[in-house]
N, C-alpha and C. Protein backbone atom coordinates (compact mmCIF):
# COMPACT_ATOMS: atom_id res chain seq x y z
N GLY A 1 34.99 -15.93 10.08
CA GLY A 1 34.43 -17.09 8.71
C GLY A 1 33.36 -16.11 8.17
N TYR A 2 33.55 -16.46 6.74
CA TYR A 2 33.03 -15.37 6.21
C TYR A 2 32.28 -15.88 4.53
N VAL A 3 31.22 -15.85 4.13
CA VAL A 3 30.28 -16.54 2.61
C VAL A 3 30.48 -16.03 1.73
N THR A 4 31.23 -17.13 0.64
CA THR A 4 31.83 -16.88 -0.66
C THR A 4 30.31 -16.95 -1.50
N ALA A 5 29.55 -17.95 -1.26
CA ALA A 5 27.91 -18.91 -1.69
C ALA A 5 27.11 -18.60 -1.25
N TRP A 6 25.59 -18.68 -1.49
CA TRP A 6 24.52 -18.41 -0.12
C TRP A 6 23.72 -19.56 -1.56
N TYR A 7 23.74 -21.22 -1.61
CA TYR A 7 23.27 -21.99 -2.32
C TYR A 7 22.00 -21.94 -2.78
N ASP A 8 21.58 -22.11 -3.84
CA ASP A 8 20.06 -22.37 -4.04
C ASP A 8 19.46 -23.39 -4.33
N GLN A 9 18.57 -23.52 -3.23
CA GLN A 9 18.14 -25.28 -2.89
C GLN A 9 17.25 -25.45 -3.32
N SER A 10 16.22 -24.92 -4.53
CA SER A 10 15.55 -25.27 -5.08
C SER A 10 16.29 -26.35 -6.64
N GLY A 11 16.75 -26.49 -6.12
CA GLY A 11 17.31 -27.00 -7.84
C GLY A 11 17.85 -26.36 -8.69
N ASN A 12 17.44 -25.21 -8.93
CA ASN A 12 17.86 -24.44 -10.16
C ASN A 12 18.88 -23.75 -10.57
N GLY A 13 19.99 -24.17 -9.54
CA GLY A 13 21.50 -23.88 -9.58
C GLY A 13 20.98 -21.59 -9.64
N ALA A 14 20.49 -21.44 -8.81
CA ALA A 14 20.80 -19.65 -9.24
C ALA A 14 21.37 -19.45 -7.60
N ASN A 15 22.45 -19.64 -7.53
CA ASN A 15 23.55 -19.62 -6.37
C ASN A 15 23.64 -18.27 -6.49
N ALA A 16 24.32 -17.43 -4.40
CA ALA A 16 24.59 -16.07 -4.93
C ALA A 16 25.76 -16.48 -4.54
N THR A 17 26.93 -15.65 -5.37
CA THR A 17 28.13 -15.66 -5.07
C THR A 17 28.90 -14.52 -4.79
N GLN A 18 30.04 -14.48 -3.63
CA GLN A 18 30.62 -13.25 -3.94
C GLN A 18 32.27 -13.18 -3.30
N SER A 19 33.24 -13.29 -4.27
CA SER A 19 34.52 -13.83 -4.72
C SER A 19 35.04 -13.00 -4.52
N THR A 20 34.84 -11.50 -3.93
CA THR A 20 35.89 -10.30 -3.44
C THR A 20 35.57 -10.45 -1.16
N THR A 21 36.94 -10.50 -1.39
CA THR A 21 36.80 -10.84 0.61
C THR A 21 36.48 -9.81 0.83
N GLY A 22 36.63 -8.49 1.11
CA GLY A 22 36.00 -7.46 1.19
C GLY A 22 34.72 -7.43 1.68
N GLN A 23 33.85 -8.34 0.51
CA GLN A 23 32.46 -7.95 0.71
C GLN A 23 31.61 -8.99 1.03
N GLN A 24 32.35 -10.09 1.54
CA GLN A 24 31.57 -10.97 2.13
C GLN A 24 30.65 -11.00 3.19
N PRO A 25 29.87 -11.54 3.50
CA PRO A 25 29.05 -11.33 5.02
C PRO A 25 29.69 -12.09 5.86
N MET A 26 29.02 -11.97 7.17
CA MET A 26 30.26 -12.67 8.00
C MET A 26 29.40 -13.87 8.61
N ILE A 27 29.63 -15.06 8.80
CA ILE A 27 28.87 -16.62 9.79
C ILE A 27 29.36 -16.32 10.78
N TYR A 28 30.55 -16.06 11.34
CA TYR A 28 31.45 -16.76 12.36
C TYR A 28 31.99 -15.05 12.36
N ASP A 29 31.97 -15.15 13.75
CA ASP A 29 32.69 -14.11 14.87
C ASP A 29 34.16 -14.46 15.64
N ARG A 30 35.04 -14.57 15.11
CA ARG A 30 36.37 -14.75 16.14
C ARG A 30 36.14 -14.33 17.63
N VAL A 31 35.99 -13.05 17.18
CA VAL A 31 36.18 -11.95 18.59
C VAL A 31 34.85 -13.00 19.42
N ALA A 32 33.67 -12.83 19.28
CA ALA A 32 33.46 -14.20 19.90
C ALA A 32 33.36 -14.85 20.06
N ALA A 33 34.67 -15.59 18.87
CA ALA A 33 34.06 -16.88 18.92
C ALA A 33 33.22 -17.79 18.86
N ALA A 34 32.46 -17.45 17.65
CA ALA A 34 30.76 -17.66 17.65
C ALA A 34 30.21 -17.59 16.26
N VAL A 35 29.59 -18.73 15.89
CA VAL A 35 28.40 -18.32 14.52
C VAL A 35 28.26 -17.46 14.99
N VAL A 36 27.41 -16.26 14.01
CA VAL A 36 26.88 -14.97 14.32
C VAL A 36 25.36 -15.92 14.36
N THR A 37 24.39 -15.42 15.22
CA THR A 37 22.79 -15.64 15.62
C THR A 37 21.87 -14.32 15.63
N GLU A 38 20.77 -14.94 15.07
CA GLU A 38 19.79 -13.99 15.53
C GLU A 38 18.25 -14.41 16.43
N ASN A 39 18.39 -14.88 17.39
CA ASN A 39 17.14 -15.43 18.10
C ASN A 39 17.25 -16.11 18.32
N GLY A 40 18.87 -16.86 18.09
CA GLY A 40 19.06 -17.87 18.14
C GLY A 40 19.33 -19.21 16.94
N LYS A 41 18.75 -18.42 16.28
CA LYS A 41 19.55 -19.21 14.61
C LYS A 41 20.50 -18.62 13.86
N PRO A 42 21.01 -19.11 12.86
CA PRO A 42 22.27 -18.48 11.94
C PRO A 42 21.98 -17.36 11.09
N ALA A 43 23.16 -17.00 11.25
CA ALA A 43 22.33 -14.87 9.92
C ALA A 43 23.88 -14.70 9.50
N LEU A 44 23.57 -14.22 8.41
CA LEU A 44 24.28 -13.41 7.59
C LEU A 44 24.58 -12.02 8.28
N GLN A 45 25.89 -11.85 8.58
CA GLN A 45 25.85 -10.29 9.31
C GLN A 45 26.76 -9.62 8.28
N PHE A 46 25.78 -8.50 7.46
CA PHE A 46 25.90 -7.45 6.21
C PHE A 46 26.67 -6.11 7.02
N THR A 47 27.38 -5.61 6.09
CA THR A 47 28.11 -4.96 6.62
C THR A 47 27.98 -3.21 5.30
N ALA A 48 27.72 -2.54 5.78
CA ALA A 48 26.99 -1.46 4.14
C ALA A 48 28.16 -0.72 3.67
N PHE A 49 28.80 -0.72 4.79
CA PHE A 49 30.51 0.19 4.51
C PHE A 49 31.05 -0.98 3.92
N SER A 50 31.07 -1.94 4.11
CA SER A 50 31.76 -2.61 3.55
C SER A 50 32.01 -3.19 1.59
N ASP A 51 30.20 -2.73 1.13
CA ASP A 51 29.55 -2.83 0.39
C ASP A 51 29.21 -4.46 0.85
N THR A 52 28.83 -5.25 1.34
CA THR A 52 28.93 -6.60 1.36
C THR A 52 27.55 -6.86 0.36
N GLY A 53 27.38 -7.72 -0.29
CA GLY A 53 26.91 -8.32 -1.09
C GLY A 53 26.96 -9.55 -2.03
N PHE A 54 25.53 -9.99 -2.39
CA PHE A 54 25.80 -11.16 -3.08
C PHE A 54 24.80 -10.91 -4.91
N SER A 55 25.71 -11.75 -5.75
CA SER A 55 24.84 -10.88 -6.82
C SER A 55 24.76 -13.25 -7.07
N MET A 56 23.49 -12.98 -8.15
CA MET A 56 23.03 -14.27 -8.24
C MET A 56 22.57 -14.02 -9.73
N SER A 57 21.70 -15.30 -10.28
CA SER A 57 20.68 -15.15 -11.77
C SER A 57 19.63 -15.86 -11.66
N LEU A 58 18.91 -15.21 -11.60
CA LEU A 58 17.43 -15.49 -11.01
C LEU A 58 16.24 -15.57 -12.29
N PRO A 59 15.78 -16.25 -12.65
CA PRO A 59 14.67 -16.76 -14.06
C PRO A 59 13.53 -15.25 -13.87
N ASN A 60 12.92 -15.27 -14.95
CA ASN A 60 12.16 -13.81 -14.78
C ASN A 60 11.25 -13.80 -14.24
N ILE A 61 10.51 -12.97 -13.43
CA ILE A 61 9.36 -12.89 -13.05
C ILE A 61 8.27 -12.13 -14.10
N GLY A 62 7.26 -13.15 -14.00
CA GLY A 62 6.55 -11.93 -14.87
C GLY A 62 5.24 -11.82 -13.46
N SER A 63 3.81 -11.50 -13.75
CA SER A 63 2.75 -10.60 -13.57
C SER A 63 2.85 -11.60 -11.92
N ASN A 64 3.47 -12.64 -11.79
CA ASN A 64 2.95 -13.23 -10.28
C ASN A 64 4.38 -13.77 -9.76
N TYR A 65 4.68 -13.57 -8.15
CA TYR A 65 5.54 -13.75 -7.40
C TYR A 65 5.51 -13.61 -6.02
N LEU A 66 6.21 -14.28 -5.13
CA LEU A 66 6.51 -14.15 -3.95
C LEU A 66 7.63 -14.04 -3.12
N GLY A 67 7.85 -13.36 -2.61
CA GLY A 67 8.82 -13.29 -2.01
C GLY A 67 9.46 -13.20 -0.15
N ALA A 68 9.58 -14.12 0.18
CA ALA A 68 9.26 -14.33 2.22
C ALA A 68 11.15 -13.99 2.05
N SER A 69 11.29 -12.81 3.07
CA SER A 69 12.41 -13.24 4.37
C SER A 69 12.58 -12.81 5.17
N VAL A 70 13.85 -13.63 6.14
CA VAL A 70 13.93 -13.16 7.61
C VAL A 70 15.21 -12.27 7.57
N HIS A 71 15.16 -11.14 8.19
CA HIS A 71 16.26 -10.10 8.82
C HIS A 71 15.81 -9.14 9.90
N LYS A 72 17.06 -8.57 9.97
CA LYS A 72 16.82 -7.25 11.05
C LYS A 72 17.92 -6.50 10.53
N LEU A 73 17.51 -4.94 10.23
CA LEU A 73 17.95 -4.09 9.80
C LEU A 73 18.69 -3.27 11.09
N THR A 74 19.60 -3.11 10.33
CA THR A 74 20.47 -2.26 12.35
C THR A 74 21.01 -0.73 11.97
N LEU A 75 20.86 -0.30 10.27
CA LEU A 75 21.19 0.91 9.79
C LEU A 75 19.86 1.59 9.43
N SER A 76 19.52 2.47 9.68
CA SER A 76 18.23 3.16 8.79
C SER A 76 17.96 4.13 7.83
N SER A 77 19.21 4.75 7.72
CA SER A 77 19.39 5.90 7.37
C SER A 77 19.65 6.05 5.60
N SER A 78 18.67 6.48 5.40
CA SER A 78 18.68 6.08 3.25
C SER A 78 17.96 5.20 3.43
N THR A 79 17.79 4.74 1.41
CA THR A 79 17.36 3.05 1.53
C THR A 79 18.28 2.29 1.60
N ARG A 80 18.05 0.98 1.98
CA ARG A 80 18.68 -0.49 2.23
C ARG A 80 17.86 -1.13 1.54
N VAL A 81 18.74 -2.13 0.72
CA VAL A 81 18.37 -2.97 -0.01
C VAL A 81 18.84 -4.57 0.38
N PHE A 82 17.71 -5.13 0.75
CA PHE A 82 17.92 -6.29 1.30
C PHE A 82 17.79 -8.15 -0.07
N TYR A 83 16.88 -7.64 -0.67
CA TYR A 83 17.43 -8.63 -2.52
C TYR A 83 16.78 -7.49 -3.41
N HIS A 84 17.16 -7.54 -4.14
CA HIS A 84 16.60 -6.83 -5.60
C HIS A 84 17.05 -8.37 -7.04
N THR A 85 15.59 -8.09 -7.79
CA THR A 85 15.58 -9.31 -8.77
C THR A 85 15.44 -8.26 -9.77
N SER A 86 16.01 -8.79 -11.25
CA SER A 86 16.33 -8.32 -11.98
C SER A 86 15.27 -6.85 -12.95
N THR A 87 15.25 -6.20 -13.49
CA THR A 87 14.11 -5.90 -14.70
C THR A 87 15.04 -4.86 -15.48
N ASN A 88 14.68 -4.59 -16.60
CA ASN A 88 15.04 -3.77 -17.51
C ASN A 88 13.94 -2.62 -18.15
N PHE A 89 12.53 -2.47 -17.32
CA PHE A 89 11.74 -1.90 -18.13
C PHE A 89 10.89 -2.45 -18.60
N SER A 90 11.20 -4.04 -19.50
CA SER A 90 10.45 -4.75 -20.71
C SER A 90 9.96 -6.11 -19.69
N THR A 91 10.73 -6.29 -18.31
CA THR A 91 10.23 -7.46 -17.63
C THR A 91 9.66 -6.79 -16.31
N THR A 92 9.28 -8.26 -15.39
CA THR A 92 8.84 -7.55 -14.25
C THR A 92 10.43 -7.75 -12.96
N GLY A 93 10.48 -6.74 -12.01
CA GLY A 93 11.30 -6.94 -11.43
C GLY A 93 11.34 -6.40 -9.97
N VAL A 94 11.27 -6.99 -8.93
CA VAL A 94 11.16 -6.74 -7.38
C VAL A 94 12.12 -6.28 -6.78
N THR A 95 11.89 -5.07 -5.93
CA THR A 95 12.83 -4.66 -4.72
C THR A 95 12.69 -5.34 -3.05
N ALA A 96 12.35 -5.42 -2.55
CA ALA A 96 12.73 -5.44 -1.28
C ALA A 96 13.61 -4.71 -0.27
N PHE A 97 13.42 -3.74 0.56
CA PHE A 97 14.04 -2.86 1.09
C PHE A 97 13.39 -2.24 2.37
N TYR A 98 14.21 -1.29 2.38
CA TYR A 98 14.12 -0.40 3.78
C TYR A 98 14.10 1.17 3.55
N SER A 99 13.03 1.86 3.78
CA SER A 99 13.35 3.73 3.43
C SER A 99 12.94 4.13 4.84
N GLY A 100 13.80 4.69 5.79
CA GLY A 100 13.93 5.85 6.74
C GLY A 100 13.29 4.82 7.63
N GLY A 101 13.82 2.90 7.46
CA GLY A 101 13.58 2.08 8.80
C GLY A 101 12.53 1.67 8.43
N LYS A 102 11.50 2.01 7.71
CA LYS A 102 10.13 0.79 7.43
C LYS A 102 10.33 -0.02 5.67
N PRO A 103 10.51 -1.29 6.63
CA PRO A 103 10.26 -2.58 4.99
C PRO A 103 9.23 -1.91 4.25
N ALA A 104 9.78 -2.45 2.98
CA ALA A 104 9.08 -1.75 1.76
C ALA A 104 9.09 -2.82 0.87
N VAL A 105 8.81 -3.10 0.13
CA VAL A 105 8.71 -3.69 -1.21
C VAL A 105 8.33 -3.37 -2.86
N SER A 106 8.69 -3.10 -3.72
CA SER A 106 8.32 -2.51 -4.69
C SER A 106 8.81 -3.28 -6.42
N ALA A 107 7.49 -2.93 -6.90
CA ALA A 107 8.27 -3.64 -8.20
C ALA A 107 7.78 -3.27 -9.32
N ALA A 108 8.61 -3.15 -10.29
CA ALA A 108 8.14 -2.61 -11.84
C ALA A 108 7.33 -3.95 -12.08
N ILE A 109 6.76 -3.25 -12.84
CA ILE A 109 5.98 -4.33 -14.13
C ILE A 109 5.30 -4.00 -15.66
N ALA A 110 6.20 -4.57 -16.63
CA ALA A 110 5.85 -4.06 -17.51
C ALA A 110 6.51 -3.27 -17.86
N GLY A 111 7.21 -2.19 -17.26
CA GLY A 111 7.84 -0.78 -16.99
C GLY A 111 6.78 0.68 -16.67
N SER A 112 6.44 -0.30 -15.19
CA SER A 112 5.39 0.47 -14.59
C SER A 112 6.09 0.03 -13.10
N SER A 113 6.02 1.41 -12.56
CA SER A 113 6.58 1.32 -11.38
C SER A 113 5.08 1.57 -9.51
N GLY A 114 5.66 0.52 -8.70
CA GLY A 114 4.71 0.78 -7.68
C GLY A 114 5.23 0.30 -6.62
N GLY A 115 4.41 0.21 -5.18
CA GLY A 115 5.29 -0.38 -3.81
C GLY A 115 4.00 -0.02 -2.88
N LYS A 116 4.07 -0.60 -2.24
CA LYS A 116 3.60 -1.08 -0.95
C LYS A 116 4.81 -0.40 0.11
N ILE A 117 4.83 0.43 1.20
CA ILE A 117 5.42 0.30 2.26
C ILE A 117 5.01 0.14 3.79
N ALA A 118 5.59 -0.41 5.14
CA ALA A 118 5.02 -0.82 5.95
C ALA A 118 5.35 0.86 6.92
N ALA A 119 3.78 0.81 7.43
CA ALA A 119 3.37 2.62 8.37
C ALA A 119 4.11 2.41 9.32
N THR A 120 5.00 1.46 9.56
CA THR A 120 5.83 2.23 11.46
C THR A 120 7.38 0.87 11.08
N ALA A 121 8.03 2.08 12.08
CA ALA A 121 9.53 1.67 12.00
C ALA A 121 9.84 0.77 12.40
N THR A 122 10.29 -0.77 11.94
CA THR A 122 10.98 -1.94 12.36
C THR A 122 12.16 -2.18 13.30
N THR A 123 13.13 -0.89 12.40
CA THR A 123 14.59 -0.50 12.95
C THR A 123 14.95 -1.95 14.11
N ASN A 124 16.17 -2.63 14.45
CA ASN A 124 16.71 -3.13 14.86
C ASN A 124 15.47 -4.74 15.81
N ASN A 125 14.90 -5.05 15.00
CA ASN A 125 13.73 -5.79 15.02
C ASN A 125 13.85 -6.67 13.83
N GLN A 126 13.91 -8.17 14.20
CA GLN A 126 14.33 -9.27 13.87
C GLN A 126 12.29 -9.42 12.88
N ILE A 127 12.33 -9.11 11.50
CA ILE A 127 10.95 -9.42 10.78
C ILE A 127 10.45 -10.43 9.98
N LEU A 128 9.48 -10.88 9.72
CA LEU A 128 9.57 -11.59 8.70
C LEU A 128 8.89 -11.31 7.39
N HIS A 129 8.92 -10.98 5.98
CA HIS A 129 9.58 -9.99 5.00
C HIS A 129 8.31 -10.82 4.01
N VAL A 130 6.98 -10.25 3.66
CA VAL A 130 6.72 -10.92 2.25
C VAL A 130 6.30 -9.85 1.14
N GLY A 131 6.45 -10.37 -0.14
CA GLY A 131 5.78 -9.21 -0.99
C GLY A 131 5.59 -9.95 -1.97
N GLN A 132 4.02 -10.07 -2.10
CA GLN A 132 3.61 -10.72 -3.07
C GLN A 132 3.00 -10.19 -4.44
N LEU A 133 3.54 -10.66 -5.55
CA LEU A 133 2.21 -10.12 -6.89
C LEU A 133 1.45 -10.94 -6.85
N SER A 134 0.19 -10.90 -6.74
CA SER A 134 -0.39 -11.38 -7.91
C SER A 134 -1.58 -10.97 -8.67
N SER A 135 -1.67 -11.64 -10.19
CA SER A 135 -1.83 -10.90 -11.06
C SER A 135 -1.44 -9.54 -11.55
N GLY A 136 -0.26 -9.39 -11.25
CA GLY A 136 0.34 -8.10 -10.80
C GLY A 136 0.07 -7.50 -9.93
N THR A 137 -0.94 -7.47 -8.88
CA THR A 137 -0.85 -6.51 -8.09
C THR A 137 0.00 -6.70 -6.69
N LEU A 138 0.67 -5.90 -6.48
CA LEU A 138 1.43 -5.81 -5.55
C LEU A 138 1.19 -5.83 -3.93
N LYS A 139 1.46 -6.43 -3.10
CA LYS A 139 1.15 -6.18 -1.49
C LYS A 139 2.37 -6.88 -0.82
N LEU A 140 2.25 -5.66 0.38
CA LEU A 140 3.17 -6.61 1.46
C LEU A 140 2.88 -6.86 2.96
N PHE A 141 3.33 -8.03 3.25
CA PHE A 141 2.92 -8.57 4.33
C PHE A 141 3.84 -8.83 5.85
N VAL A 142 4.01 -7.82 6.47
CA VAL A 142 5.18 -8.00 7.68
C VAL A 142 4.74 -8.67 8.75
N ASP A 143 5.44 -9.21 9.15
CA ASP A 143 5.07 -10.62 10.51
C ASP A 143 3.58 -11.08 10.14
N GLY A 144 3.34 -11.12 9.43
CA GLY A 144 1.64 -11.42 8.72
C GLY A 144 1.01 -10.88 8.53
N SER A 145 1.00 -9.25 8.82
CA SER A 145 0.08 -8.39 8.76
C SER A 145 0.35 -7.55 7.80
N GLU A 146 -1.36 -7.09 6.84
CA GLU A 146 -0.89 -6.36 5.32
C GLU A 146 -0.46 -4.84 6.05
N GLU A 147 0.65 -4.34 5.14
CA GLU A 147 0.48 -3.20 4.69
C GLU A 147 0.68 -2.18 3.84
N THR A 148 -0.39 -1.15 4.08
CA THR A 148 -1.00 -0.88 3.20
C THR A 148 -0.34 0.74 2.32
N ALA A 149 0.37 1.53 3.17
CA ALA A 149 0.93 2.34 2.89
C ALA A 149 1.95 2.82 1.53
N THR A 150 1.97 3.50 0.21
CA THR A 150 2.41 3.48 -0.91
C THR A 150 3.32 4.69 -1.05
N THR A 151 4.29 3.93 -2.10
CA THR A 151 5.76 4.81 -2.30
C THR A 151 6.00 4.43 -3.60
N SER A 152 6.77 5.07 -3.77
CA SER A 152 7.54 4.66 -5.92
C SER A 152 8.95 3.97 -5.58
N TRP A 153 8.87 3.14 -6.80
CA TRP A 153 10.87 2.82 -6.60
C TRP A 153 11.00 2.77 -8.34
N VAL A 154 12.17 3.45 -8.62
CA VAL A 154 13.05 3.03 -9.74
C VAL A 154 13.64 1.99 -9.92
N PRO A 155 13.66 1.10 -10.61
CA PRO A 155 14.55 -0.60 -11.35
C PRO A 155 15.11 -0.39 -11.65
N ASN A 156 16.26 -0.88 -11.63
CA ASN A 156 17.38 -1.09 -12.10
C ASN A 156 17.74 -2.91 -12.42
N ASN A 157 18.84 -2.93 -13.01
CA ASN A 157 19.03 -4.21 -13.48
C ASN A 157 19.91 -5.59 -12.40
N ASN A 158 19.79 -6.30 -13.02
CA ASN A 158 20.70 -7.52 -12.20
C ASN A 158 19.82 -8.22 -10.99
N ASP A 159 20.11 -9.18 -10.63
CA ASP A 159 19.57 -9.81 -9.38
C ASP A 159 21.17 -9.97 -8.23
N HIS A 160 20.30 -9.40 -6.70
CA HIS A 160 21.26 -9.04 -5.59
C HIS A 160 21.09 -9.15 -4.23
N ILE A 161 21.97 -9.52 -3.48
CA ILE A 161 21.17 -10.02 -2.15
C ILE A 161 21.94 -9.28 -1.50
N GLY A 162 21.74 -7.73 -0.63
CA GLY A 162 22.70 -7.10 0.60
C GLY A 162 22.72 -6.13 -0.10
N LYS A 163 22.38 -5.76 -1.49
CA LYS A 163 22.10 -4.17 -2.26
C LYS A 163 21.86 -4.63 -3.31
N ARG A 164 21.34 -3.29 -3.77
CA ARG A 164 20.51 -3.06 -5.12
C ARG A 164 21.56 -3.15 -6.72
N ALA A 165 21.01 -3.76 -7.62
CA ALA A 165 22.28 -4.39 -8.74
C ALA A 165 23.24 -3.03 -9.15
N ASP A 166 23.23 -1.90 -8.49
CA ASP A 166 24.18 -0.92 -9.19
C ASP A 166 24.81 -0.69 -8.05
N GLY A 167 24.84 -1.80 -6.69
CA GLY A 167 26.21 -1.54 -5.98
C GLY A 167 25.18 -0.29 -4.95
N PHE A 168 24.63 -0.16 -4.81
CA PHE A 168 24.12 1.47 -3.88
C PHE A 168 23.19 0.83 -2.86
N PHE A 169 22.91 1.52 -2.01
CA PHE A 169 21.88 1.53 -1.12
C PHE A 169 21.62 0.07 -0.14
N GLU A 170 23.37 -0.72 0.27
CA GLU A 170 23.45 -1.81 1.26
C GLU A 170 22.95 -1.59 2.10
N PHE A 171 22.50 -2.84 2.40
CA PHE A 171 22.32 -3.17 3.56
C PHE A 171 22.67 -3.89 4.55
N GLN A 172 22.83 -2.97 5.29
CA GLN A 172 23.37 -3.36 7.31
C GLN A 172 22.65 -4.15 8.33
N GLY A 173 22.68 -5.25 8.61
CA GLY A 173 22.71 -6.29 9.55
C GLY A 173 22.30 -7.67 9.18
N THR A 174 20.78 -8.41 9.29
CA THR A 174 21.66 -9.97 9.13
C THR A 174 19.98 -10.33 8.58
N LEU A 175 20.72 -11.33 7.91
CA LEU A 175 19.50 -11.87 7.00
C LEU A 175 20.00 -13.56 7.07
N GLN A 176 18.57 -14.30 7.62
CA GLN A 176 18.60 -15.54 7.35
C GLN A 176 18.10 -16.53 6.76
N GLU A 177 17.04 -16.01 5.38
CA GLU A 177 16.31 -16.47 5.20
C GLU A 177 15.36 -16.08 4.15
N ILE A 178 15.89 -16.18 2.03
CA ILE A 178 15.15 -15.72 1.66
C ILE A 178 14.79 -16.42 0.76
N LEU A 179 13.16 -16.90 0.34
CA LEU A 179 12.47 -17.42 -0.63
C LEU A 179 11.99 -16.92 -1.58
N LEU A 180 12.16 -17.59 -2.55
CA LEU A 180 11.77 -16.56 -4.26
C LEU A 180 10.93 -17.73 -5.21
N TRP A 181 9.29 -17.10 -5.36
CA TRP A 181 9.18 -17.88 -6.32
C TRP A 181 8.28 -17.25 -7.75
N ASN A 182 8.78 -17.79 -9.30
CA ASN A 182 8.17 -16.42 -9.67
C ASN A 182 6.77 -17.61 -10.41
N THR A 183 5.79 -17.29 -8.45
CA THR A 183 4.19 -18.04 -9.41
C THR A 183 3.23 -17.58 -8.11
N ASP A 184 2.37 -17.55 -8.60
CA ASP A 184 1.52 -17.09 -7.78
C ASP A 184 0.81 -18.16 -6.43
N GLU A 185 1.92 -17.12 -5.07
CA GLU A 185 1.04 -18.32 -3.96
C GLU A 185 0.04 -17.33 -3.06
N SER A 186 -0.48 -16.68 -3.55
CA SER A 186 -1.05 -15.78 -3.18
C SER A 186 -1.81 -17.50 -2.17
N SER A 187 -2.16 -18.11 -2.26
CA SER A 187 -2.98 -19.14 -1.55
C SER A 187 -3.04 -19.77 -0.72
N ASN A 188 -1.35 -19.65 -0.84
CA ASN A 188 0.16 -20.60 0.04
C ASN A 188 0.63 -19.63 0.73
N ARG A 189 0.18 -18.38 0.70
CA ARG A 189 1.60 -17.28 1.68
C ARG A 189 1.05 -17.45 3.31
N THR A 190 -0.32 -17.46 3.98
CA THR A 190 -0.24 -17.90 5.01
C THR A 190 0.23 -19.13 6.04
N GLY A 191 0.08 -20.01 5.18
CA GLY A 191 0.95 -21.12 5.51
C GLY A 191 2.55 -20.92 5.94
N ILE A 192 3.18 -20.25 4.19
CA ILE A 192 4.38 -19.90 3.74
C ILE A 192 4.81 -19.63 5.27
N GLU A 193 4.35 -18.39 5.69
CA GLU A 193 4.57 -17.05 6.67
C GLU A 193 4.52 -18.33 8.28
N SER A 194 3.27 -19.09 8.38
CA SER A 194 3.13 -20.20 9.41
C SER A 194 4.30 -21.02 9.33
N ASP A 195 5.18 -21.18 8.73
CA ASP A 195 6.33 -22.31 8.59
C ASP A 195 7.30 -22.03 8.68
N ILE A 196 7.68 -20.45 8.24
CA ILE A 196 8.97 -19.70 8.47
C ILE A 196 9.11 -19.01 10.52
N ASN A 197 7.53 -18.64 10.49
CA ASN A 197 7.71 -18.14 11.58
C ASN A 197 7.60 -19.75 12.84
N THR A 198 7.14 -20.50 12.55
CA THR A 198 7.42 -21.32 14.03
C THR A 198 9.25 -21.88 13.42
N TYR A 199 9.64 -21.95 12.87
CA TYR A 199 10.99 -22.01 13.29
C TYR A 199 11.97 -20.90 13.55
N TYR A 200 11.28 -19.92 13.38
CA TYR A 200 12.42 -18.99 14.18
C TYR A 200 11.72 -18.17 15.39
N SER A 201 10.42 -18.44 15.27
CA SER A 201 9.77 -17.76 16.61
C SER A 201 10.20 -15.91 16.40
N ILE A 202 9.41 -15.94 15.52
CA ILE A 202 9.75 -14.25 15.24
C ILE A 202 8.23 -13.38 15.98
N TYR A 203 6.94 -14.23 15.61
CA TYR A 203 5.94 -12.70 16.80
C TYR A 203 5.32 -13.67 16.68
């Protein structure tokens, strides 16, 4: 069984869709005769070699943003993007990705680029990834702990889940949760992390 739409629960109608059969992530494995799960909870299985992913339409992100996601990477070679928000160097965009097995988040803010990358590899581990922009300052939290090593990123256009907007850097692994705010949620971050972790029992 494969997923054609990942529905937005916010009421804004920013549904993520994929109409191409070979690029839809799997939710039910007929060989195993079971729903795909990670740590006992349903998950979408993305396959890099099938160019799996969704396109969507999100509101513009300003200098404030928070994105939280739950996923597990199973292919660490090259860059692997699990979600990407639009930017054209005149607006803010964010990419949540892996580089060499290390979870990372980067942002272009009114034409500039920058990012933070985790200092330890987490390939084959389920993680809670939080990227936060607060008044233009970017931070990355992995399983509730802030990471500080830096990297750079070249932004791209359009909103996608499972790959970058140009179709490259496809994610391989499972995705279970993506929550995006275009507001400053820094004062709520620890509560958001706690609620997500309570449900998924990640750490």
